[in-house]
């Protein structure tokens, strides 16, 4: 599997999502509360924990990171549209992303032949603050993600800055794939 940027693979993966009616151009709002659009999952699309990842915006919108793309490139694209300027070269891309109020999910992998990599049983939601402090729209997104994590018998780690880890804000027990 190719783990680096591959524009041909990225286009193929986005085309598959488009053909399945899982993605569409979605309106988001920048730092001045002005609208801009980005390719995002539809509201009724399944949140696959096996995509390489997602950016979850303050509106609770999922921006997919597909095979052939990188988390950094999707984050940089979002940050640039949000702030109307590129991230400073000395600034870590996650720090810039967190300034928008967004979070990032890093997931398992689906191999290029469409087979799920069963060895990856954990996903990681990278946060700037405790999950319960995020807006309701984002919490709804976190809950959608957790539901699909449980359905795929995976574990979701809520990871904060430094060495901080958080419990699920919904009381989910991932070892038993259910609410506590």
N, C-alpha and C. Protein backbone atom coordinates (compact mmCIF):
# COMPACT_ATOMS: atom_id res chain seq x y z
N UNK A 1 0.84 -1.17 0.00
CA UNK A 1 0.00 0.00 0.00
C UNK A 1 0.88 1.24 0.00
N UNK A 2 0.49 2.21 -0.78
CA UNK A 2 1.23 3.46 -0.88
C UNK A 2 0.78 4.40 0.22
N UNK A 3 1.67 4.80 1.13
CA UNK A 3 1.31 5.64 2.25
C UNK A 3 1.66 7.11 2.01
N UNK A 4 2.11 7.47 0.83
CA UNK A 4 2.47 8.85 0.55
C UNK A 4 1.53 9.41 -0.51
N UNK A 5 1.65 10.70 -0.75
CA UNK A 5 0.78 11.37 -1.69
C UNK A 5 0.89 10.76 -3.08
N UNK A 6 -0.26 10.41 -3.63
CA UNK A 6 -0.35 9.81 -4.95
C UNK A 6 -1.61 10.38 -5.61
N UNK A 7 -1.48 11.43 -6.44
CA UNK A 7 -2.67 12.09 -6.99
C UNK A 7 -3.59 11.17 -7.78
N UNK A 8 -3.05 10.22 -8.51
CA UNK A 8 -3.89 9.30 -9.29
C UNK A 8 -4.75 8.45 -8.36
N UNK A 9 -4.14 7.91 -7.30
CA UNK A 9 -4.88 7.09 -6.34
C UNK A 9 -5.92 7.95 -5.61
N UNK A 10 -5.54 9.16 -5.24
CA UNK A 10 -6.47 10.08 -4.56
C UNK A 10 -7.70 10.31 -5.43
N UNK A 11 -7.51 10.59 -6.70
CA UNK A 11 -8.62 10.85 -7.61
C UNK A 11 -9.50 9.60 -7.74
N UNK A 12 -8.89 8.43 -7.84
CA UNK A 12 -9.64 7.17 -7.92
C UNK A 12 -10.51 6.99 -6.68
N UNK A 13 -9.93 7.22 -5.51
CA UNK A 13 -10.65 7.03 -4.25
C UNK A 13 -11.79 8.03 -4.11
N UNK A 14 -11.55 9.28 -4.48
CA UNK A 14 -12.61 10.29 -4.41
C UNK A 14 -13.72 9.97 -5.41
N UNK A 15 -13.34 9.45 -6.57
CA UNK A 15 -14.33 9.08 -7.58
C UNK A 15 -15.24 7.96 -7.05
N UNK A 16 -14.65 6.98 -6.35
CA UNK A 16 -15.45 5.90 -5.76
C UNK A 16 -16.46 6.46 -4.76
N UNK A 17 -16.00 7.39 -3.91
CA UNK A 17 -16.91 7.98 -2.93
C UNK A 17 -18.01 8.79 -3.62
N UNK A 18 -17.66 9.50 -4.68
CA UNK A 18 -18.64 10.30 -5.43
C UNK A 18 -19.67 9.40 -6.08
N UNK A 19 -19.23 8.30 -6.71
CA UNK A 19 -20.15 7.37 -7.36
C UNK A 19 -21.09 6.71 -6.36
N UNK A 20 -20.65 6.56 -5.12
CA UNK A 20 -21.49 5.98 -4.06
C UNK A 20 -22.33 7.06 -3.37
N UNK A 21 -22.32 8.27 -3.91
CA UNK A 21 -23.06 9.41 -3.34
C UNK A 21 -22.69 9.66 -1.87
N UNK A 22 -21.43 9.49 -1.55
CA UNK A 22 -20.96 9.68 -0.17
C UNK A 22 -20.30 11.04 0.04
N UNK A 23 -19.91 11.73 -1.03
CA UNK A 23 -19.29 13.03 -0.87
C UNK A 23 -19.97 14.05 -1.77
N UNK A 24 -19.86 15.30 -1.36
CA UNK A 24 -20.40 16.40 -2.14
C UNK A 24 -19.68 17.68 -1.70
N UNK A 25 -19.79 18.71 -2.52
CA UNK A 25 -19.25 19.99 -2.09
C UNK A 25 -20.18 20.55 -1.02
N UNK A 26 -19.60 20.96 0.09
CA UNK A 26 -20.34 21.39 1.27
C UNK A 26 -19.89 22.79 1.66
N UNK A 27 -20.82 23.60 2.09
CA UNK A 27 -20.51 24.95 2.52
C UNK A 27 -20.03 24.94 3.97
N UNK A 28 -18.89 25.57 4.19
CA UNK A 28 -18.31 25.76 5.52
C UNK A 28 -18.13 27.26 5.72
N UNK A 29 -17.72 27.66 6.92
CA UNK A 29 -17.55 29.08 7.20
C UNK A 29 -16.15 29.37 7.72
N UNK A 30 -15.55 30.44 7.18
CA UNK A 30 -14.18 30.79 7.51
C UNK A 30 -14.11 31.63 8.80
N UNK A 31 -12.93 32.15 9.08
CA UNK A 31 -12.70 32.91 10.30
C UNK A 31 -13.50 34.22 10.33
N UNK A 32 -13.96 34.69 9.18
CA UNK A 32 -14.78 35.90 9.09
C UNK A 32 -16.26 35.55 8.93
N UNK A 33 -16.60 34.27 9.13
CA UNK A 33 -17.95 33.76 8.98
C UNK A 33 -18.49 33.90 7.55
N UNK A 34 -17.57 33.87 6.59
CA UNK A 34 -17.94 33.90 5.18
C UNK A 34 -17.89 32.47 4.63
N UNK A 35 -18.81 32.13 3.72
CA UNK A 35 -18.87 30.75 3.23
C UNK A 35 -17.76 30.41 2.23
N UNK A 36 -17.35 29.16 2.27
CA UNK A 36 -16.47 28.57 1.26
C UNK A 36 -16.88 27.11 1.14
N UNK A 37 -16.47 26.45 0.07
CA UNK A 37 -16.86 25.05 -0.11
C UNK A 37 -15.65 24.13 -0.13
N UNK A 38 -15.90 22.92 0.34
CA UNK A 38 -14.91 21.84 0.28
C UNK A 38 -15.66 20.54 0.07
N UNK A 39 -14.94 19.56 -0.43
CA UNK A 39 -15.49 18.23 -0.62
C UNK A 39 -15.61 17.55 0.74
N UNK A 40 -16.83 17.13 1.10
CA UNK A 40 -17.07 16.54 2.42
C UNK A 40 -18.03 15.36 2.29
N UNK A 41 -18.08 14.55 3.34
CA UNK A 41 -19.05 13.46 3.36
C UNK A 41 -20.46 14.03 3.44
N UNK A 42 -21.40 13.35 2.82
CA UNK A 42 -22.80 13.74 2.96
C UNK A 42 -23.26 13.41 4.37
N UNK A 43 -24.34 14.03 4.80
CA UNK A 43 -24.85 13.81 6.16
C UNK A 43 -25.28 12.38 6.41
N UNK A 44 -25.69 11.67 5.37
CA UNK A 44 -26.15 10.30 5.56
C UNK A 44 -25.09 9.25 5.17
N UNK A 45 -23.90 9.70 4.82
CA UNK A 45 -22.83 8.75 4.45
C UNK A 45 -22.33 8.02 5.69
N UNK A 46 -21.99 6.76 5.50
CA UNK A 46 -21.39 5.99 6.58
C UNK A 46 -19.99 6.53 6.86
N UNK A 47 -19.68 6.69 8.12
CA UNK A 47 -18.34 7.14 8.52
C UNK A 47 -17.47 5.89 8.62
N UNK A 48 -16.70 5.62 7.60
CA UNK A 48 -15.85 4.43 7.60
C UNK A 48 -14.61 4.67 8.45
N UNK A 49 -14.42 3.86 9.49
CA UNK A 49 -13.21 4.01 10.29
C UNK A 49 -11.96 3.53 9.55
N UNK A 50 -12.16 2.98 8.35
CA UNK A 50 -11.04 2.46 7.59
C UNK A 50 -10.53 3.40 6.51
N UNK A 51 -11.13 4.58 6.38
CA UNK A 51 -10.46 5.59 5.55
C UNK A 51 -9.24 6.04 6.35
N UNK A 52 -8.21 6.52 5.68
CA UNK A 52 -7.04 6.98 6.44
C UNK A 52 -7.38 8.03 7.49
N UNK A 53 -8.43 8.82 7.25
CA UNK A 53 -8.80 9.78 8.27
C UNK A 53 -9.83 10.79 7.82
N UNK A 54 -10.12 11.70 8.72
CA UNK A 54 -11.06 12.79 8.48
C UNK A 54 -10.60 14.01 9.25
N UNK A 55 -10.98 15.16 8.75
CA UNK A 55 -10.97 16.37 9.55
C UNK A 55 -12.43 16.59 9.91
N UNK A 56 -12.70 16.82 11.17
CA UNK A 56 -14.06 17.11 11.61
C UNK A 56 -14.08 18.60 11.95
N UNK A 57 -14.84 19.36 11.16
CA UNK A 57 -14.87 20.81 11.31
C UNK A 57 -15.76 21.22 12.48
N UNK A 58 -15.71 22.50 12.83
CA UNK A 58 -16.54 23.01 13.93
C UNK A 58 -18.03 22.87 13.63
N UNK A 59 -18.38 22.75 12.34
CA UNK A 59 -19.77 22.52 11.94
C UNK A 59 -20.17 21.04 12.03
N UNK A 60 -19.20 20.18 12.39
CA UNK A 60 -19.46 18.74 12.46
C UNK A 60 -19.38 18.06 11.11
N UNK A 61 -18.78 18.72 10.13
CA UNK A 61 -18.64 18.19 8.78
C UNK A 61 -17.36 17.35 8.69
N UNK A 62 -17.45 16.22 8.00
CA UNK A 62 -16.32 15.31 7.84
C UNK A 62 -15.66 15.55 6.49
N UNK A 63 -14.41 16.00 6.50
CA UNK A 63 -13.60 16.15 5.28
C UNK A 63 -12.74 14.90 5.18
N UNK A 64 -12.94 14.07 4.15
CA UNK A 64 -12.22 12.80 4.09
C UNK A 64 -10.75 12.94 3.69
N UNK A 65 -9.93 12.11 4.30
CA UNK A 65 -8.55 11.91 3.87
C UNK A 65 -8.55 10.51 3.28
N UNK A 66 -8.39 10.41 1.97
CA UNK A 66 -8.48 9.12 1.29
C UNK A 66 -7.10 8.55 1.00
N UNK A 67 -7.05 7.27 0.66
CA UNK A 67 -5.78 6.68 0.22
C UNK A 67 -5.25 7.50 -0.95
N UNK A 68 -3.96 7.78 -0.94
CA UNK A 68 -3.34 8.59 -1.97
C UNK A 68 -3.20 10.04 -1.56
N UNK A 69 -3.86 10.43 -0.48
CA UNK A 69 -3.75 11.79 0.04
C UNK A 69 -3.05 11.72 1.39
N UNK A 70 -2.76 12.86 1.98
CA UNK A 70 -2.15 12.89 3.30
C UNK A 70 -2.98 13.76 4.22
N UNK A 71 -2.93 13.44 5.51
CA UNK A 71 -3.63 14.24 6.52
C UNK A 71 -3.15 15.69 6.46
N UNK A 72 -1.86 15.87 6.31
CA UNK A 72 -1.27 17.21 6.27
C UNK A 72 -1.81 18.03 5.11
N UNK A 73 -1.92 17.42 3.94
CA UNK A 73 -2.38 18.16 2.76
C UNK A 73 -3.85 18.57 2.88
N UNK A 74 -4.68 17.69 3.41
CA UNK A 74 -6.09 18.04 3.60
C UNK A 74 -6.22 19.12 4.66
N UNK A 75 -5.46 18.99 5.75
CA UNK A 75 -5.49 20.01 6.80
C UNK A 75 -5.01 21.35 6.26
N UNK A 76 -3.94 21.35 5.51
CA UNK A 76 -3.42 22.61 4.94
C UNK A 76 -4.43 23.26 4.00
N UNK A 77 -5.12 22.45 3.20
CA UNK A 77 -6.13 22.99 2.29
C UNK A 77 -7.25 23.65 3.09
N UNK A 78 -7.71 23.00 4.15
CA UNK A 78 -8.77 23.55 4.98
C UNK A 78 -8.30 24.82 5.70
N UNK A 79 -7.11 24.79 6.28
CA UNK A 79 -6.56 25.94 7.00
C UNK A 79 -6.43 27.14 6.06
N UNK A 80 -5.95 26.90 4.85
CA UNK A 80 -5.78 27.99 3.89
C UNK A 80 -7.12 28.63 3.53
N UNK A 81 -8.13 27.81 3.33
CA UNK A 81 -9.46 28.37 3.02
C UNK A 81 -10.07 29.06 4.24
N UNK A 82 -9.80 28.53 5.41
CA UNK A 82 -10.37 29.08 6.64
C UNK A 82 -9.77 30.45 6.98
N UNK A 83 -8.45 30.56 6.87
CA UNK A 83 -7.77 31.80 7.25
C UNK A 83 -7.39 32.69 6.06
N UNK A 84 -7.62 32.24 4.82
CA UNK A 84 -7.28 32.98 3.60
C UNK A 84 -5.77 33.18 3.45
N UNK A 85 -5.01 32.28 4.02
CA UNK A 85 -3.56 32.33 3.87
C UNK A 85 -3.00 30.96 4.20
N UNK A 86 -1.83 30.73 3.70
CA UNK A 86 -1.16 29.45 3.97
C UNK A 86 -0.62 29.42 5.39
N UNK A 87 -0.51 28.22 5.89
CA UNK A 87 0.09 27.99 7.20
C UNK A 87 1.54 28.42 7.15
N UNK A 88 2.01 29.06 8.20
CA UNK A 88 3.41 29.44 8.28
C UNK A 88 4.28 28.18 8.26
N UNK A 89 5.40 28.21 7.58
CA UNK A 89 6.24 27.02 7.43
C UNK A 89 6.76 26.50 8.77
N UNK A 90 6.89 27.36 9.76
CA UNK A 90 7.39 26.94 11.07
C UNK A 90 6.27 26.38 11.97
N UNK A 91 5.01 26.50 11.54
CA UNK A 91 3.89 26.06 12.36
C UNK A 91 3.50 24.62 12.01
N UNK A 92 3.35 23.80 13.02
CA UNK A 92 2.93 22.41 12.83
C UNK A 92 1.50 22.40 12.30
N UNK A 93 1.22 21.56 11.31
CA UNK A 93 -0.09 21.59 10.67
C UNK A 93 -1.24 21.30 11.62
N UNK A 94 -1.04 20.45 12.63
CA UNK A 94 -2.12 20.19 13.59
C UNK A 94 -2.40 21.42 14.45
N UNK A 95 -1.37 22.16 14.82
CA UNK A 95 -1.58 23.39 15.58
C UNK A 95 -2.42 24.38 14.77
N UNK A 96 -2.11 24.52 13.49
CA UNK A 96 -2.89 25.41 12.62
C UNK A 96 -4.32 24.90 12.49
N UNK A 97 -4.50 23.60 12.34
CA UNK A 97 -5.84 23.03 12.23
C UNK A 97 -6.65 23.28 13.50
N UNK A 98 -6.03 23.07 14.66
CA UNK A 98 -6.73 23.28 15.92
C UNK A 98 -7.18 24.72 16.09
N UNK A 99 -6.45 25.68 15.51
CA UNK A 99 -6.86 27.09 15.59
C UNK A 99 -8.17 27.35 14.88
N UNK A 100 -8.56 26.49 13.95
CA UNK A 100 -9.85 26.63 13.26
C UNK A 100 -11.00 26.06 14.09
N UNK A 101 -10.66 25.35 15.15
CA UNK A 101 -11.68 24.68 15.96
C UNK A 101 -11.95 23.26 15.51
N UNK A 102 -11.24 22.79 14.50
CA UNK A 102 -11.43 21.44 13.95
C UNK A 102 -10.59 20.41 14.71
N UNK A 103 -10.91 19.14 14.48
CA UNK A 103 -10.15 18.01 15.02
C UNK A 103 -9.75 17.11 13.86
N UNK A 104 -8.96 16.09 14.16
CA UNK A 104 -8.55 15.15 13.12
C UNK A 104 -8.68 13.72 13.63
N UNK A 105 -9.25 12.87 12.77
CA UNK A 105 -9.32 11.44 13.04
C UNK A 105 -8.30 10.75 12.16
N UNK A 106 -7.51 9.89 12.77
CA UNK A 106 -6.56 9.06 12.03
C UNK A 106 -7.05 7.63 12.19
N UNK A 107 -7.38 6.99 11.07
CA UNK A 107 -8.06 5.71 11.14
C UNK A 107 -7.23 4.53 10.71
N UNK A 108 -7.94 3.42 10.61
CA UNK A 108 -7.35 2.20 10.09
C UNK A 108 -7.14 2.36 8.60
N UNK A 109 -6.82 1.30 7.94
CA UNK A 109 -6.55 1.38 6.50
C UNK A 109 -7.33 0.33 5.75
N UNK A 110 -7.78 0.75 4.59
CA UNK A 110 -8.30 -0.20 3.62
C UNK A 110 -7.20 -0.33 2.58
N UNK A 111 -6.82 -1.53 2.28
CA UNK A 111 -5.75 -1.75 1.33
C UNK A 111 -6.21 -1.39 -0.08
N UNK A 112 -5.27 -1.16 -0.99
CA UNK A 112 -5.61 -0.73 -2.35
C UNK A 112 -6.52 -1.71 -3.07
N UNK A 113 -6.47 -2.98 -2.71
CA UNK A 113 -7.34 -3.96 -3.37
C UNK A 113 -8.74 -4.00 -2.75
N UNK A 114 -9.02 -3.07 -1.81
CA UNK A 114 -10.34 -2.98 -1.20
C UNK A 114 -10.52 -3.83 0.04
N UNK A 115 -9.50 -4.58 0.43
CA UNK A 115 -9.57 -5.42 1.62
C UNK A 115 -9.22 -4.58 2.85
N UNK A 116 -9.98 -4.77 3.91
CA UNK A 116 -9.73 -4.03 5.15
C UNK A 116 -8.52 -4.63 5.86
N UNK A 117 -7.63 -3.76 6.32
CA UNK A 117 -6.47 -4.19 7.09
C UNK A 117 -6.94 -4.49 8.52
N UNK A 118 -7.23 -5.75 8.79
CA UNK A 118 -7.77 -6.17 10.08
C UNK A 118 -6.77 -6.02 11.23
N UNK A 119 -5.51 -5.82 10.92
CA UNK A 119 -4.52 -5.68 11.98
C UNK A 119 -4.63 -4.32 12.68
N UNK A 120 -5.25 -3.35 12.03
CA UNK A 120 -5.40 -2.01 12.61
C UNK A 120 -6.76 -1.94 13.29
N UNK A 121 -6.79 -2.07 14.61
CA UNK A 121 -8.04 -2.09 15.37
C UNK A 121 -8.30 -0.78 16.12
N UNK A 122 -7.41 0.19 15.98
CA UNK A 122 -7.58 1.43 16.72
C UNK A 122 -7.61 2.63 15.80
N UNK A 123 -8.44 3.59 16.17
CA UNK A 123 -8.48 4.88 15.52
C UNK A 123 -8.15 5.94 16.55
N UNK A 124 -7.74 7.10 16.10
CA UNK A 124 -7.29 8.16 17.01
C UNK A 124 -7.97 9.47 16.64
N UNK A 125 -8.65 10.07 17.59
CA UNK A 125 -9.25 11.38 17.41
C UNK A 125 -8.35 12.37 18.13
N UNK A 126 -7.69 13.24 17.36
CA UNK A 126 -6.74 14.20 17.92
C UNK A 126 -7.47 15.48 18.28
N UNK A 127 -7.33 15.89 19.53
CA UNK A 127 -8.10 17.00 20.08
C UNK A 127 -7.20 18.06 20.70
N UNK A 128 -7.69 19.28 20.76
CA UNK A 128 -7.00 20.37 21.44
C UNK A 128 -7.47 20.50 22.88
N UNK A 129 -8.70 20.03 23.14
CA UNK A 129 -9.30 20.15 24.47
C UNK A 129 -10.15 18.92 24.74
N UNK A 130 -10.69 18.83 25.94
CA UNK A 130 -11.55 17.69 26.30
C UNK A 130 -12.72 17.62 25.32
N UNK A 131 -13.13 16.42 24.92
CA UNK A 131 -14.16 16.29 23.89
C UNK A 131 -15.49 16.96 24.25
N UNK A 132 -15.87 16.94 25.51
CA UNK A 132 -17.16 17.52 25.90
C UNK A 132 -17.18 19.04 25.80
N UNK A 133 -16.04 19.67 25.55
CA UNK A 133 -15.98 21.13 25.41
C UNK A 133 -16.22 21.59 23.96
N UNK A 134 -16.33 20.65 23.04
CA UNK A 134 -16.55 21.00 21.64
C UNK A 134 -18.04 21.32 21.41
N UNK A 135 -18.34 22.08 20.34
CA UNK A 135 -19.74 22.41 20.04
C UNK A 135 -20.58 21.16 19.76
N UNK A 136 -21.88 21.31 19.94
CA UNK A 136 -22.80 20.19 19.77
C UNK A 136 -22.70 19.55 18.39
N UNK A 137 -22.51 20.35 17.35
CA UNK A 137 -22.39 19.79 16.00
C UNK A 137 -21.19 18.85 15.91
N UNK A 138 -20.09 19.20 16.57
CA UNK A 138 -18.92 18.31 16.55
C UNK A 138 -19.17 17.07 17.38
N UNK A 139 -19.84 17.23 18.53
CA UNK A 139 -20.15 16.07 19.36
C UNK A 139 -21.05 15.09 18.59
N UNK A 140 -21.98 15.61 17.80
CA UNK A 140 -22.79 14.74 16.95
C UNK A 140 -21.90 13.97 15.98
N UNK A 141 -20.89 14.64 15.43
CA UNK A 141 -19.94 13.98 14.54
C UNK A 141 -19.13 12.92 15.27
N UNK A 142 -18.67 13.23 16.49
CA UNK A 142 -17.92 12.26 17.28
C UNK A 142 -18.78 11.03 17.53
N UNK A 143 -20.06 11.25 17.81
CA UNK A 143 -20.96 10.13 18.09
C UNK A 143 -21.18 9.27 16.83
N UNK A 144 -21.31 9.91 15.67
CA UNK A 144 -21.41 9.15 14.40
C UNK A 144 -20.17 8.29 14.19
N UNK A 145 -19.01 8.88 14.47
CA UNK A 145 -17.75 8.16 14.32
C UNK A 145 -17.70 6.97 15.28
N UNK A 146 -18.04 7.21 16.55
CA UNK A 146 -18.02 6.13 17.55
C UNK A 146 -18.94 4.98 17.14
N UNK A 147 -20.12 5.30 16.62
CA UNK A 147 -21.07 4.26 16.21
C UNK A 147 -20.43 3.34 15.18
N UNK A 148 -19.76 3.92 14.19
CA UNK A 148 -19.14 3.10 13.16
C UNK A 148 -17.88 2.41 13.64
N UNK A 149 -17.19 3.00 14.59
CA UNK A 149 -16.03 2.34 15.21
C UNK A 149 -16.52 1.06 15.90
N UNK A 150 -17.59 1.19 16.69
CA UNK A 150 -18.12 0.02 17.40
C UNK A 150 -18.63 -1.05 16.43
N UNK A 151 -19.32 -0.63 15.37
CA UNK A 151 -19.83 -1.59 14.40
C UNK A 151 -18.72 -2.36 13.72
N UNK A 152 -17.53 -1.79 13.67
CA UNK A 152 -16.38 -2.46 13.05
C UNK A 152 -15.44 -3.07 14.08
N UNK A 153 -15.90 -3.16 15.32
CA UNK A 153 -15.15 -3.79 16.42
C UNK A 153 -13.76 -3.19 16.58
N UNK A 154 -13.73 -1.86 16.50
CA UNK A 154 -12.47 -1.13 16.70
C UNK A 154 -12.55 -0.37 18.01
N UNK A 155 -11.46 0.30 18.34
CA UNK A 155 -11.36 1.11 19.55
C UNK A 155 -10.99 2.53 19.14
N UNK A 156 -11.68 3.53 19.71
CA UNK A 156 -11.37 4.93 19.42
C UNK A 156 -10.65 5.54 20.60
N UNK A 157 -9.47 6.08 20.34
CA UNK A 157 -8.68 6.76 21.36
C UNK A 157 -8.87 8.26 21.20
N UNK A 158 -9.32 8.92 22.26
CA UNK A 158 -9.42 10.38 22.28
C UNK A 158 -8.10 10.90 22.83
N UNK A 159 -7.30 11.52 21.96
CA UNK A 159 -5.95 11.95 22.32
C UNK A 159 -5.88 13.48 22.34
N UNK A 160 -5.44 14.03 23.48
CA UNK A 160 -5.26 15.47 23.60
C UNK A 160 -3.81 15.84 23.39
N UNK A 161 -3.50 17.09 23.63
CA UNK A 161 -2.12 17.55 23.46
C UNK A 161 -1.24 16.93 24.54
N UNK A 162 0.01 16.80 24.23
CA UNK A 162 0.95 16.19 25.16
C UNK A 162 0.61 14.72 25.35
N UNK A 163 0.48 14.31 26.59
CA UNK A 163 0.17 12.91 26.89
C UNK A 163 -1.26 12.74 27.41
N UNK A 164 -2.10 13.72 27.20
CA UNK A 164 -3.47 13.68 27.70
C UNK A 164 -4.33 12.73 26.86
N UNK A 165 -5.06 11.87 27.55
CA UNK A 165 -6.05 11.03 26.89
C UNK A 165 -7.39 11.26 27.58
N UNK A 166 -8.46 11.07 26.83
CA UNK A 166 -9.80 11.31 27.36
C UNK A 166 -10.66 10.08 27.17
N UNK A 167 -11.67 9.96 28.03
CA UNK A 167 -12.70 8.94 27.88
C UNK A 167 -13.68 9.41 26.82
N UNK A 168 -14.46 8.49 26.30
CA UNK A 168 -15.53 8.85 25.38
C UNK A 168 -16.51 9.77 26.10
N UNK A 169 -16.93 10.86 25.46
CA UNK A 169 -17.92 11.74 26.10
C UNK A 169 -19.31 11.10 26.15
N UNK A 170 -19.48 9.95 25.53
CA UNK A 170 -20.78 9.27 25.48
C UNK A 170 -20.80 8.01 26.33
N UNK A 171 -19.72 7.76 27.05
CA UNK A 171 -19.66 6.58 27.91
C UNK A 171 -19.49 5.28 27.17
N UNK A 172 -18.94 5.32 25.97
CA UNK A 172 -18.79 4.10 25.17
C UNK A 172 -17.66 3.24 25.73
N UNK A 173 -17.94 1.96 25.85
CA UNK A 173 -16.95 0.97 26.27
C UNK A 173 -16.52 0.23 25.00
N UNK A 174 -15.41 0.63 24.42
CA UNK A 174 -15.00 0.07 23.13
C UNK A 174 -14.57 -1.38 23.23
N UNK A 175 -14.14 -1.82 24.40
CA UNK A 175 -13.74 -3.21 24.52
C UNK A 175 -14.93 -4.14 24.37
N UNK A 176 -16.13 -3.63 24.70
CA UNK A 176 -17.36 -4.43 24.55
C UNK A 176 -18.27 -3.88 23.46
N UNK A 177 -17.80 -2.85 22.74
CA UNK A 177 -18.54 -2.23 21.64
C UNK A 177 -19.96 -1.80 22.04
N UNK A 178 -20.07 -1.14 23.20
CA UNK A 178 -21.37 -0.66 23.66
C UNK A 178 -21.20 0.48 24.66
N UNK A 179 -22.31 1.10 25.00
CA UNK A 179 -22.32 2.16 26.00
C UNK A 179 -22.11 1.54 27.37
N UNK A 180 -21.44 2.27 28.27
CA UNK A 180 -21.24 1.78 29.65
C UNK A 180 -22.54 1.79 30.42
